[in-house]
């Protein structure tokens, strides 16, 4: 693994991992988030920075709202413990904390 990528992963927005959705269309981005959320059900809780493409110059559609709705639904279902938008100086996207599977969970 590239050491610079690991350092970036650990430093950006104090997240343990990063899911980069820049350049993806809505269907692929949503499916990437769903898969990531499904996989985290079987891991320890972790923090993830979700990076989105910034809005095009002059305005236009972005993935911020559709991905935000998907994450909010996951929060309501107990899949996420934390959800917040990234600060503008960090980028466009979200910081999440997955609920995951605690060490003592047996189910």
PDB file of N, CA and C in Angstrom:
ATOM      1  N   UNK A   1       0.852  -1.185   0.000  1.00  0.00           N
ATOM      2  CA  UNK A   1       0.000   0.000   0.000  1.00  0.00           C
ATOM      3  C   UNK A   1       0.886   1.233   0.000  1.00  0.00           C
ATOM      4  N   UNK A   2       0.467   2.253  -0.696  1.00  0.00           N
ATOM      5  CA  UNK A   2       1.190   3.507  -0.781  1.00  0.00           C
ATOM      6  C   UNK A   2       1.136   4.226   0.576  1.00  0.00           C
ATOM      7  N   UNK A   3       2.304   4.494   1.204  1.00  0.00           N
ATOM      8  CA  UNK A   3       2.302   5.146   2.533  1.00  0.00           C
ATOM      9  C   UNK A   3       1.643   6.516   2.529  1.00  0.00           C
ATOM     10  N   UNK A   4       1.781   7.272   1.429  1.00  0.00           N
ATOM     11  CA  UNK A   4       1.145   8.591   1.366  1.00  0.00           C
ATOM     12  C   UNK A   4      -0.370   8.470   1.400  1.00  0.00           C
ATOM     13  N   UNK A   5      -0.914   7.460   0.741  1.00  0.00           N
ATOM     14  CA  UNK A   5      -2.365   7.241   0.755  1.00  0.00           C
ATOM     15  C   UNK A   5      -2.828   6.893   2.164  1.00  0.00           C
ATOM     16  N   UNK A   6      -2.070   6.086   2.877  1.00  0.00           N
ATOM     17  CA  UNK A   6      -2.419   5.727   4.245  1.00  0.00           C
ATOM     18  C   UNK A   6      -2.401   6.961   5.140  1.00  0.00           C
ATOM     19  N   UNK A   7      -1.372   7.787   5.019  1.00  0.00           N
ATOM     20  CA  UNK A   7      -1.314   9.003   5.825  1.00  0.00           C
ATOM     21  C   UNK A   7      -2.475   9.923   5.514  1.00  0.00           C
ATOM     22  N   UNK A   8      -2.812  10.053   4.237  1.00  0.00           N
ATOM     23  CA  UNK A   8      -3.942  10.903   3.870  1.00  0.00           C
ATOM     24  C   UNK A   8      -5.223  10.349   4.459  1.00  0.00           C
ATOM     25  N   UNK A   9      -5.386   9.039   4.389  1.00  0.00           N
ATOM     26  CA  UNK A   9      -6.600   8.398   4.892  1.00  0.00           C
ATOM     27  C   UNK A   9      -6.777   8.689   6.377  1.00  0.00           C
ATOM     28  N   UNK A  10      -5.702   8.659   7.130  1.00  0.00           N
ATOM     29  CA  UNK A  10      -5.803   8.821   8.571  1.00  0.00           C
ATOM     30  C   UNK A  10      -5.920  10.279   8.998  1.00  0.00           C
ATOM     31  N   UNK A  11      -5.470  11.216   8.172  1.00  0.00           N
ATOM     32  CA  UNK A  11      -5.459  12.601   8.608  1.00  0.00           C
ATOM     33  C   UNK A  11      -6.685  13.399   8.174  1.00  0.00           C
ATOM     34  N   UNK A  12      -7.287  13.092   7.070  1.00  0.00           N
ATOM     35  CA  UNK A  12      -8.374  13.904   6.548  1.00  0.00           C
ATOM     36  C   UNK A  12      -9.635  13.744   7.387  1.00  0.00           C
ATOM     37  N   UNK A  13     -10.066  14.851   7.952  1.00  0.00           N
ATOM     38  CA  UNK A  13     -11.314  14.910   8.725  1.00  0.00           C
ATOM     39  C   UNK A  13     -11.323  13.895   9.861  1.00  0.00           C
ATOM     40  N   UNK A  14     -10.145  13.519  10.363  1.00  0.00           N
ATOM     41  CA  UNK A  14     -10.033  12.569  11.468  1.00  0.00           C
ATOM     42  C   UNK A  14     -10.810  11.293  11.208  1.00  0.00           C
ATOM     43  N   UNK A  15     -10.800  10.822   9.977  1.00  0.00           N
ATOM     44  CA  UNK A  15     -11.494   9.580   9.627  1.00  0.00           C
ATOM     45  C   UNK A  15     -10.477   8.467   9.427  1.00  0.00           C
ATOM     46  N   UNK A  16     -10.894   7.254   9.755  1.00  0.00           N
ATOM     47  CA  UNK A  16     -10.020   6.098   9.579  1.00  0.00           C
ATOM     48  C   UNK A  16      -9.942   5.666   8.113  1.00  0.00           C
ATOM     49  N   UNK A  17     -11.016   5.892   7.363  1.00  0.00           N
ATOM     50  CA  UNK A  17     -11.086   5.467   5.968  1.00  0.00           C
ATOM     51  C   UNK A  17     -11.705   6.566   5.121  1.00  0.00           C
ATOM     52  N   UNK A  18     -11.524   6.432   3.807  1.00  0.00           N
ATOM     53  CA  UNK A  18     -12.116   7.380   2.872  1.00  0.00           C
ATOM     54  C   UNK A  18     -12.787   6.610   1.743  1.00  0.00           C
ATOM     55  N   UNK A  19     -13.997   7.024   1.406  1.00  0.00           N
ATOM     56  CA  UNK A  19     -14.711   6.503   0.250  1.00  0.00           C
ATOM     57  C   UNK A  19     -14.811   7.655  -0.744  1.00  0.00           C
ATOM     58  N   UNK A  20     -14.073   7.558  -1.833  1.00  0.00           N
ATOM     59  CA  UNK A  20     -14.005   8.628  -2.827  1.00  0.00           C
ATOM     60  C   UNK A  20     -15.010   8.347  -3.940  1.00  0.00           C
ATOM     61  N   UNK A  21     -16.051   9.166  -4.012  1.00  0.00           N
ATOM     62  CA  UNK A  21     -17.105   8.994  -5.011  1.00  0.00           C
ATOM     63  C   UNK A  21     -16.995  10.008  -6.146  1.00  0.00           C
ATOM     64  N   UNK A  22     -15.927  10.772  -6.152  1.00  0.00           N
ATOM     65  CA  UNK A  22     -15.759  11.780  -7.201  1.00  0.00           C
ATOM     66  C   UNK A  22     -15.686  11.110  -8.565  1.00  0.00           C
ATOM     67  N   UNK A  23     -16.416  11.664  -9.513  1.00  0.00           N
ATOM     68  CA  UNK A  23     -16.404  11.158 -10.867  1.00  0.00           C
ATOM     69  C   UNK A  23     -17.434  10.073 -11.143  1.00  0.00           C
ATOM     70  N   UNK A  24     -18.139   9.609 -10.120  1.00  0.00           N
ATOM     71  CA  UNK A  24     -19.157   8.575 -10.321  1.00  0.00           C
ATOM     72  C   UNK A  24     -20.515   9.201 -10.589  1.00  0.00           C
ATOM     73  N   UNK A  25     -21.355   8.497 -11.350  1.00  0.00           N
ATOM     74  CA  UNK A  25     -22.728   8.956 -11.515  1.00  0.00           C
ATOM     75  C   UNK A  25     -23.524   8.556 -10.266  1.00  0.00           C
ATOM     76  N   UNK A  26     -24.739   9.036 -10.167  1.00  0.00           N
ATOM     77  CA  UNK A  26     -25.543   8.823  -8.963  1.00  0.00           C
ATOM     78  C   UNK A  26     -25.768   7.344  -8.664  1.00  0.00           C
ATOM     79  N   UNK A  27     -26.103   6.554  -9.656  1.00  0.00           N
ATOM     80  CA  UNK A  27     -26.393   5.129  -9.433  1.00  0.00           C
ATOM     81  C   UNK A  27     -25.173   4.400  -8.875  1.00  0.00           C
ATOM     82  N   UNK A  28     -24.003   4.650  -9.447  1.00  0.00           N
ATOM     83  CA  UNK A  28     -22.789   3.979  -8.983  1.00  0.00           C
ATOM     84  C   UNK A  28     -22.365   4.483  -7.605  1.00  0.00           C
ATOM     85  N   UNK A  29     -22.518   5.776  -7.372  1.00  0.00           N
ATOM     86  CA  UNK A  29     -22.160   6.336  -6.070  1.00  0.00           C
ATOM     87  C   UNK A  29     -23.056   5.754  -4.974  1.00  0.00           C
ATOM     88  N   UNK A  30     -24.356   5.704  -5.222  1.00  0.00           N
ATOM     89  CA  UNK A  30     -25.281   5.154  -4.230  1.00  0.00           C
ATOM     90  C   UNK A  30     -24.989   3.679  -3.961  1.00  0.00           C
ATOM     91  N   UNK A  31     -24.692   2.923  -5.006  1.00  0.00           N
ATOM     92  CA  UNK A  31     -24.378   1.505  -4.822  1.00  0.00           C
ATOM     93  C   UNK A  31     -23.077   1.335  -4.037  1.00  0.00           C
ATOM     94  N   UNK A  32     -22.097   2.191  -4.261  1.00  0.00           N
ATOM     95  CA  UNK A  32     -20.848   2.133  -3.504  1.00  0.00           C
ATOM     96  C   UNK A  32     -21.095   2.382  -2.019  1.00  0.00           C
ATOM     97  N   UNK A  33     -21.957   3.346  -1.716  1.00  0.00           N
ATOM     98  CA  UNK A  33     -22.288   3.632  -0.320  1.00  0.00           C
ATOM     99  C   UNK A  33     -23.034   2.459   0.296  1.00  0.00           C
ATOM    100  N   UNK A  34     -24.000   1.916  -0.420  1.00  0.00           N
ATOM    101  CA  UNK A  34     -24.759   0.761   0.103  1.00  0.00           C
ATOM    102  C   UNK A  34     -23.833  -0.418   0.405  1.00  0.00           C
ATOM    103  N   UNK A  35     -22.916  -0.705  -0.495  1.00  0.00           N
ATOM    104  CA  UNK A  35     -21.980  -1.823  -0.275  1.00  0.00           C
ATOM    105  C   UNK A  35     -21.083  -1.561   0.931  1.00  0.00           C
ATOM    106  N   UNK A  36     -20.586  -0.347   1.038  1.00  0.00           N
ATOM    107  CA  UNK A  36     -19.738   0.002   2.172  1.00  0.00           C
ATOM    108  C   UNK A  36     -20.511  -0.156   3.475  1.00  0.00           C
ATOM    109  N   UNK A  37     -21.758   0.311   3.504  1.00  0.00           N
ATOM    110  CA  UNK A  37     -22.569   0.200   4.712  1.00  0.00           C
ATOM    111  C   UNK A  37     -22.860  -1.258   5.051  1.00  0.00           C
ATOM    112  N   UNK A  38     -23.107  -2.067   4.050  1.00  0.00           N
ATOM    113  CA  UNK A  38     -23.360  -3.490   4.275  1.00  0.00           C
ATOM    114  C   UNK A  38     -22.118  -4.172   4.858  1.00  0.00           C
ATOM    115  N   UNK A  39     -20.960  -3.882   4.295  1.00  0.00           N
ATOM    116  CA  UNK A  39     -19.719  -4.498   4.797  1.00  0.00           C
ATOM    117  C   UNK A  39     -19.412  -4.086   6.233  1.00  0.00           C
ATOM    118  N   UNK A  40     -19.753  -2.864   6.600  1.00  0.00           N
ATOM    119  CA  UNK A  40     -19.411  -2.383   7.942  1.00  0.00           C
ATOM    120  C   UNK A  40     -20.250  -3.041   9.028  1.00  0.00           C
ATOM    121  N   UNK A  41     -21.320  -3.727   8.648  1.00  0.00           N
ATOM    122  CA  UNK A  41     -22.122  -4.432   9.656  1.00  0.00           C
ATOM    123  C   UNK A  41     -21.310  -5.520  10.340  1.00  0.00           C
ATOM    124  N   UNK A  42     -20.260  -6.005   9.682  1.00  0.00           N
ATOM    125  CA  UNK A  42     -19.477  -7.131  10.185  1.00  0.00           C
ATOM    126  C   UNK A  42     -18.108  -6.720  10.718  1.00  0.00           C
ATOM    127  N   UNK A  43     -17.864  -5.431  10.847  1.00  0.00           N
ATOM    128  CA  UNK A  43     -16.576  -4.931  11.319  1.00  0.00           C
ATOM    129  C   UNK A  43     -16.769  -4.100  12.582  1.00  0.00           C
ATOM    130  N   UNK A  44     -15.668  -3.767  13.195  1.00  0.00           N
ATOM    131  CA  UNK A  44     -15.698  -2.843  14.324  1.00  0.00           C
ATOM    132  C   UNK A  44     -16.200  -1.486  13.833  1.00  0.00           C
ATOM    133  N   UNK A  45     -16.803  -0.688  14.707  1.00  0.00           N
ATOM    134  CA  UNK A  45     -17.198   0.671  14.303  1.00  0.00           C
ATOM    135  C   UNK A  45     -15.984   1.438  13.775  1.00  0.00           C
ATOM    136  N   UNK A  46     -16.210   2.251  12.764  1.00  0.00           N
ATOM    137  CA  UNK A  46     -15.119   3.025  12.183  1.00  0.00           C
ATOM    138  C   UNK A  46     -15.637   4.340  11.638  1.00  0.00           C
ATOM    139  N   UNK A  47     -14.731   5.272  11.462  1.00  0.00           N
ATOM    140  CA  UNK A  47     -15.086   6.555  10.862  1.00  0.00           C
ATOM    141  C   UNK A  47     -14.666   6.544   9.398  1.00  0.00           C
ATOM    142  N   UNK A  48     -15.520   7.142   8.567  1.00  0.00           N
ATOM    143  CA  UNK A  48     -15.285   7.161   7.125  1.00  0.00           C
ATOM    144  C   UNK A  48     -15.563   8.560   6.600  1.00  0.00           C
ATOM    145  N   UNK A  49     -14.662   9.052   5.801  1.00  0.00           N
ATOM    146  CA  UNK A  49     -14.885  10.306   5.092  1.00  0.00           C
ATOM    147  C   UNK A  49     -15.376   9.946   3.702  1.00  0.00           C
ATOM    148  N   UNK A  50     -16.527  10.473   3.316  1.00  0.00           N
ATOM    149  CA  UNK A  50     -17.087  10.239   1.989  1.00  0.00           C
ATOM    150  C   UNK A  50     -16.860  11.502   1.171  1.00  0.00           C
ATOM    151  N   UNK A  51     -16.034  11.398   0.145  1.00  0.00           N
ATOM    152  CA  UNK A  51     -15.643  12.533  -0.684  1.00  0.00           C
ATOM    153  C   UNK A  51     -16.524  12.602  -1.922  1.00  0.00           C
ATOM    154  N   UNK A  52     -17.123  13.765  -2.165  1.00  0.00           N
ATOM    155  CA  UNK A  52     -17.989  13.979  -3.328  1.00  0.00           C
ATOM    156  C   UNK A  52     -17.397  15.036  -4.252  1.00  0.00           C
ATOM    157  N   UNK A  53     -17.800  14.982  -5.503  1.00  0.00           N
ATOM    158  CA  UNK A  53     -17.389  15.968  -6.499  1.00  0.00           C
ATOM    159  C   UNK A  53     -17.980  17.329  -6.110  1.00  0.00           C
ATOM    160  N   UNK A  54     -17.181  18.400  -6.149  1.00  0.00           N
ATOM    161  CA  UNK A  54     -17.753  19.725  -5.893  1.00  0.00           C
ATOM    162  C   UNK A  54     -18.725  20.126  -6.999  1.00  0.00           C
ATOM    163  N   UNK A  55     -19.613  21.066  -6.715  1.00  0.00           N
ATOM    164  CA  UNK A  55     -20.568  21.485  -7.752  1.00  0.00           C
ATOM    165  C   UNK A  55     -19.832  22.090  -8.949  1.00  0.00           C
ATOM    166  N   UNK A  56     -20.381  21.902 -10.140  1.00  0.00           N
ATOM    167  CA  UNK A  56     -19.739  22.501 -11.322  1.00  0.00           C
ATOM    168  C   UNK A  56     -19.801  24.021 -11.240  1.00  0.00           C
ATOM    169  N   UNK A  57     -18.846  24.657 -11.878  1.00  0.00           N
ATOM    170  CA  UNK A  57     -18.821  26.121 -11.894  1.00  0.00           C
ATOM    171  C   UNK A  57     -20.111  26.641 -12.516  1.00  0.00           C
ATOM    172  N   UNK A  58     -20.729  27.584 -11.868  1.00  0.00           N
ATOM    173  CA  UNK A  58     -21.997  28.117 -12.346  1.00  0.00           C
ATOM    174  C   UNK A  58     -23.205  27.372 -11.810  1.00  0.00           C
ATOM    175  N   UNK A  59     -22.970  26.345 -10.987  1.00  0.00           N
ATOM    176  CA  UNK A  59     -24.073  25.592 -10.390  1.00  0.00           C
ATOM    177  C   UNK A  59     -24.426  24.347 -11.175  1.00  0.00           C
ATOM    178  N   UNK A  60     -25.280  23.570 -10.588  1.00  0.00           N
ATOM    179  CA  UNK A  60     -25.704  22.330 -11.223  1.00  0.00           C
ATOM    180  C   UNK A  60     -25.921  21.249 -10.186  1.00  0.00           C
ATOM    181  N   UNK A  61     -26.343  20.098 -10.644  1.00  0.00           N
ATOM    182  CA  UNK A  61     -26.644  18.994  -9.740  1.00  0.00           C
ATOM    183  C   UNK A  61     -25.374  18.376  -9.166  1.00  0.00           C
ATOM    184  N   UNK A  62     -25.481  17.949  -7.922  1.00  0.00           N
ATOM    185  CA  UNK A  62     -24.390  17.241  -7.270  1.00  0.00           C
ATOM    186  C   UNK A  62     -24.963  16.002  -6.592  1.00  0.00           C
ATOM    187  N   UNK A  63     -24.091  15.193  -6.035  1.00  0.00           N
ATOM    188  CA  UNK A  63     -24.520  14.000  -5.305  1.00  0.00           C
ATOM    189  C   UNK A  63     -24.749  14.278  -3.827  1.00  0.00           C
ATOM    190  N   UNK A  64     -24.559  15.515  -3.389  1.00  0.00           N
ATOM    191  CA  UNK A  64     -24.641  15.828  -1.961  1.00  0.00           C
ATOM    192  C   UNK A  64     -25.997  15.434  -1.370  1.00  0.00           C
ATOM    193  N   UNK A  65     -27.089  15.839  -1.991  1.00  0.00           N
ATOM    194  CA  UNK A  65     -28.411  15.516  -1.441  1.00  0.00           C
ATOM    195  C   UNK A  65     -28.769  14.038  -1.561  1.00  0.00           C
ATOM    196  N   UNK A  66     -28.594  13.405  -2.731  1.00  0.00           N
ATOM    197  CA  UNK A  66     -28.962  11.988  -2.798  1.00  0.00           C
ATOM    198  C   UNK A  66     -28.147  11.111  -1.839  1.00  0.00           C
ATOM    199  N   UNK A  67     -26.862  11.357  -1.736  1.00  0.00           N
ATOM    200  CA  UNK A  67     -26.031  10.571  -0.817  1.00  0.00           C
ATOM    201  C   UNK A  67     -26.399  10.920   0.621  1.00  0.00           C
ATOM    202  N   UNK A  68     -26.681  12.180   0.882  1.00  0.00           N
ATOM    203  CA  UNK A  68     -27.104  12.592   2.218  1.00  0.00           C
ATOM    204  C   UNK A  68     -28.384  11.904   2.656  1.00  0.00           C
ATOM    205  N   UNK A  69     -29.338  11.779   1.749  1.00  0.00           N
ATOM    206  CA  UNK A  69     -30.589  11.081   2.077  1.00  0.00           C
ATOM    207  C   UNK A  69     -30.334   9.608   2.382  1.00  0.00           C
ATOM    208  N   UNK A  70     -29.470   8.991   1.606  1.00  0.00           N
ATOM    209  CA  UNK A  70     -29.120   7.586   1.824  1.00  0.00           C
ATOM    210  C   UNK A  70     -28.451   7.391   3.195  1.00  0.00           C
ATOM    211  N   UNK A  71     -27.546   8.294   3.541  1.00  0.00           N
ATOM    212  CA  UNK A  71     -26.865   8.208   4.828  1.00  0.00           C
ATOM    213  C   UNK A  71     -27.819   8.502   5.991  1.00  0.00           C
ATOM    214  N   UNK A  72     -28.714   9.441   5.810  1.00  0.00           N
ATOM    215  CA  UNK A  72     -29.695   9.752   6.851  1.00  0.00           C
ATOM    216  C   UNK A  72     -30.594   8.558   7.116  1.00  0.00           C
ATOM    217  N   UNK A  73     -31.001   7.865   6.059  1.00  0.00           N
ATOM    218  CA  UNK A  73     -31.800   6.653   6.214  1.00  0.00           C
ATOM    219  C   UNK A  73     -31.012   5.590   6.990  1.00  0.00           C
ATOM    220  N   UNK A  74     -29.729   5.439   6.683  1.00  0.00           N
ATOM    221  CA  UNK A  74     -28.889   4.475   7.398  1.00  0.00           C
ATOM    222  C   UNK A  74     -28.756   4.864   8.872  1.00  0.00           C
ATOM    223  N   UNK A  75     -28.690   6.146   9.131  1.00  0.00           N
ATOM    224  CA  UNK A  75     -28.611   6.611  10.526  1.00  0.00           C
ATOM    225  C   UNK A  75     -29.893   6.248  11.280  1.00  0.00           C
ATOM    226  N   UNK A  76     -31.024   6.477  10.638  1.00  0.00           N
ATOM    227  CA  UNK A  76     -32.317   6.153  11.255  1.00  0.00           C
ATOM    228  C   UNK A  76     -32.474   4.657  11.501  1.00  0.00           C
ATOM    229  N   UNK A  77     -31.838   3.837  10.663  1.00  0.00           N
ATOM    230  CA  UNK A  77     -31.911   2.382  10.811  1.00  0.00           C
ATOM    231  C   UNK A  77     -30.872   1.838  11.795  1.00  0.00           C
ATOM    232  N   UNK A  78     -30.053   2.711  12.357  1.00  0.00           N
ATOM    233  CA  UNK A  78     -29.061   2.283  13.333  1.00  0.00           C
ATOM    234  C   UNK A  78     -27.765   1.769  12.741  1.00  0.00           C
ATOM    235  N   UNK A  79     -27.574   1.951  11.441  1.00  0.00           N
ATOM    236  CA  UNK A  79     -26.347   1.506  10.784  1.00  0.00           C
ATOM    237  C   UNK A  79     -25.207   2.489  11.060  1.00  0.00           C
ATOM    238  N   UNK A  80     -25.558   3.749  11.278  1.00  0.00           N
ATOM    239  CA  UNK A  80     -24.566   4.786  11.565  1.00  0.00           C
ATOM    240  C   UNK A  80     -24.776   5.350  12.964  1.00  0.00           C
ATOM    241  N   UNK A  81     -23.673   5.617  13.637  1.00  0.00           N
ATOM    242  CA  UNK A  81     -23.728   6.306  14.931  1.00  0.00           C
ATOM    243  C   UNK A  81     -23.529   7.801  14.769  1.00  0.00           C
ATOM    244  N   UNK A  82     -22.868   8.212  13.703  1.00  0.00           N
ATOM    245  CA  UNK A  82     -22.581   9.621  13.486  1.00  0.00           C
ATOM    246  C   UNK A  82     -22.660   9.979  12.023  1.00  0.00           C
ATOM    247  N   UNK A  83     -23.089  11.203  11.748  1.00  0.00           N
ATOM    248  CA  UNK A  83     -23.217  11.699  10.380  1.00  0.00           C
ATOM    249  C   UNK A  83     -23.119  13.214  10.410  1.00  0.00           C
ATOM    250  N   UNK A  84     -22.192  13.765   9.645  1.00  0.00           N
ATOM    251  CA  UNK A  84     -22.117  15.218   9.521  1.00  0.00           C
ATOM    252  C   UNK A  84     -21.468  15.581   8.193  1.00  0.00           C
ATOM    253  N   UNK A  85     -21.846  16.742   7.639  1.00  0.00           N
ATOM    254  CA  UNK A  85     -21.191  17.184   6.406  1.00  0.00           C
ATOM    255  C   UNK A  85     -19.756  17.588   6.714  1.00  0.00           C
ATOM    256  N   UNK A  86     -18.882  17.474   5.708  1.00  0.00           N
ATOM    257  CA  UNK A  86     -17.510  17.922   5.874  1.00  0.00           C
ATOM    258  C   UNK A  86     -17.479  19.441   5.904  1.00  0.00           C
ATOM    259  N   UNK A  87     -16.504  19.986   6.601  1.00  0.00           N
ATOM    260  CA  UNK A  87     -16.341  21.439   6.577  1.00  0.00           C
ATOM    261  C   UNK A  87     -15.802  21.841   5.205  1.00  0.00           C
ATOM    262  N   UNK A  88     -16.154  23.029   4.733  1.00  0.00           N
ATOM    263  CA  UNK A  88     -15.773  23.447   3.380  1.00  0.00           C
ATOM    264  C   UNK A  88     -14.266  23.402   3.125  1.00  0.00           C
ATOM    265  N   UNK A  89     -13.445  23.667   4.134  1.00  0.00           N
ATOM    266  CA  UNK A  89     -12.000  23.640   3.901  1.00  0.00           C
ATOM    267  C   UNK A  89     -11.467  22.219   3.691  1.00  0.00           C
ATOM    268  N   UNK A  90     -12.224  21.215   4.111  1.00  0.00           N
ATOM    269  CA  UNK A  90     -11.814  19.824   3.903  1.00  0.00           C
ATOM    270  C   UNK A  90     -12.292  19.316   2.554  1.00  0.00           C
ATOM    271  N   UNK A  91     -13.486  19.722   2.142  1.00  0.00           N
ATOM    272  CA  UNK A  91     -14.014  19.281   0.857  1.00  0.00           C
ATOM    273  C   UNK A  91     -15.514  19.111   0.906  1.00  0.00           C
ATOM    274  N   UNK A  92     -16.055  18.549  -0.151  1.00  0.00           N
ATOM    275  CA  UNK A  92     -17.491  18.298  -0.260  1.00  0.00           C
ATOM    276  C   UNK A  92     -17.729  16.836   0.078  1.00  0.00           C
ATOM    277  N   UNK A  93     -18.625  16.601   1.010  1.00  0.00           N
ATOM    278  CA  UNK A  93     -18.939  15.229   1.365  1.00  0.00           C
ATOM    279  C   UNK A  93     -19.425  15.110   2.786  1.00  0.00           C
ATOM    280  N   UNK A  94     -19.215  13.937   3.353  1.00  0.00           N
ATOM    281  CA  UNK A  94     -19.724  13.624   4.684  1.00  0.00           C
ATOM    282  C   UNK A  94     -18.674  12.887   5.506  1.00  0.00           C
ATOM    283  N   UNK A  95     -18.771  13.040   6.804  1.00  0.00           N
ATOM    284  CA  UNK A  95     -18.034  12.230   7.764  1.00  0.00           C
ATOM    285  C   UNK A  95     -19.079  11.361   8.451  1.00  0.00           C
ATOM    286  N   UNK A  96     -18.821  10.063   8.495  1.00  0.00           N
ATOM    287  CA  UNK A  96     -19.758   9.155   9.159  1.00  0.00           C
ATOM    288  C   UNK A  96     -19.010   8.281  10.150  1.00  0.00           C
ATOM    289  N   UNK A  97     -19.733   7.790  11.122  1.00  0.00           N
ATOM    290  CA  UNK A  97     -19.215   6.774  12.034  1.00  0.00           C
ATOM    291  C   UNK A  97     -20.181   5.604  11.969  1.00  0.00           C
ATOM    292  N   UNK A  98     -19.662   4.452  11.575  1.00  0.00           N
ATOM    293  CA  UNK A  98     -20.520   3.274  11.436  1.00  0.00           C
ATOM    294  C   UNK A  98     -20.783   2.657  12.804  1.00  0.00           C
ATOM    295  N   UNK A  99     -21.929   2.020  12.934  1.00  0.00           N
ATOM    296  CA  UNK A  99     -22.257   1.327  14.178  1.00  0.00           C
ATOM    297  C   UNK A  99     -21.458   0.032  14.265  1.00  0.00           C
ATOM    298  N   UNK A 100     -21.325  -0.652  13.141  1.00  0.00           N
ATOM    299  CA  UNK A 100     -20.531  -1.869  13.089  1.00  0.00           C
ATOM    300  C   UNK A 100     -20.987  -2.941  14.055  1.00  0.00           C
ATOM    301  N   UNK A 101     -20.119  -3.878  14.241  1.00  0.00           N
ATOM    302  CA  UNK A 101     -20.376  -4.990  15.149  1.00  0.00           C
ATOM    303  C   UNK A 101     -19.399  -4.870  16.298  1.00  0.00           C
ATOM    304  N   UNK A 102     -19.919  -4.694  17.477  1.00  0.00           N
ATOM    305  CA  UNK A 102     -19.064  -4.586  18.658  1.00  0.00           C
ATOM    306  C   UNK A 102     -18.370  -5.912  18.911  1.00  0.00           C
ATOM    307  N   UNK A 103     -17.241  -5.888  19.573  1.00  0.00           N
ATOM    308  CA  UNK A 103     -16.431  -7.073  19.825  1.00  0.00           C
ATOM    309  C   UNK A 103     -17.230  -8.192  20.499  1.00  0.00           C
ATOM    310  N   UNK A 104     -18.156  -7.858  21.387  1.00  0.00           N
ATOM    311  CA  UNK A 104     -18.902  -8.864  22.139  1.00  0.00           C
ATOM    312  C   UNK A 104     -20.207  -9.274  21.474  1.00  0.00           C
ATOM    313  N   UNK A 105     -20.555  -8.650  20.330  1.00  0.00           N
ATOM    314  CA  UNK A 105     -21.790  -9.042  19.626  1.00  0.00           C
ATOM    315  C   UNK A 105     -21.649 -10.449  19.076  1.00  0.00           C
ATOM    316  N   UNK A 106     -22.703 -11.224  19.222  1.00  0.00           N
ATOM    317  CA  UNK A 106     -22.659 -12.592  18.693  1.00  0.00           C
ATOM    318  C   UNK A 106     -23.565 -12.780  17.489  1.00  0.00           C
ATOM    319  N   UNK A 107     -24.368 -11.775  17.135  1.00  0.00           N
ATOM    320  CA  UNK A 107     -25.324 -11.940  16.038  1.00  0.00           C
ATOM    321  C   UNK A 107     -24.909 -11.294  14.864  1.00  0.00           C
TER     322      UNK A 107
END
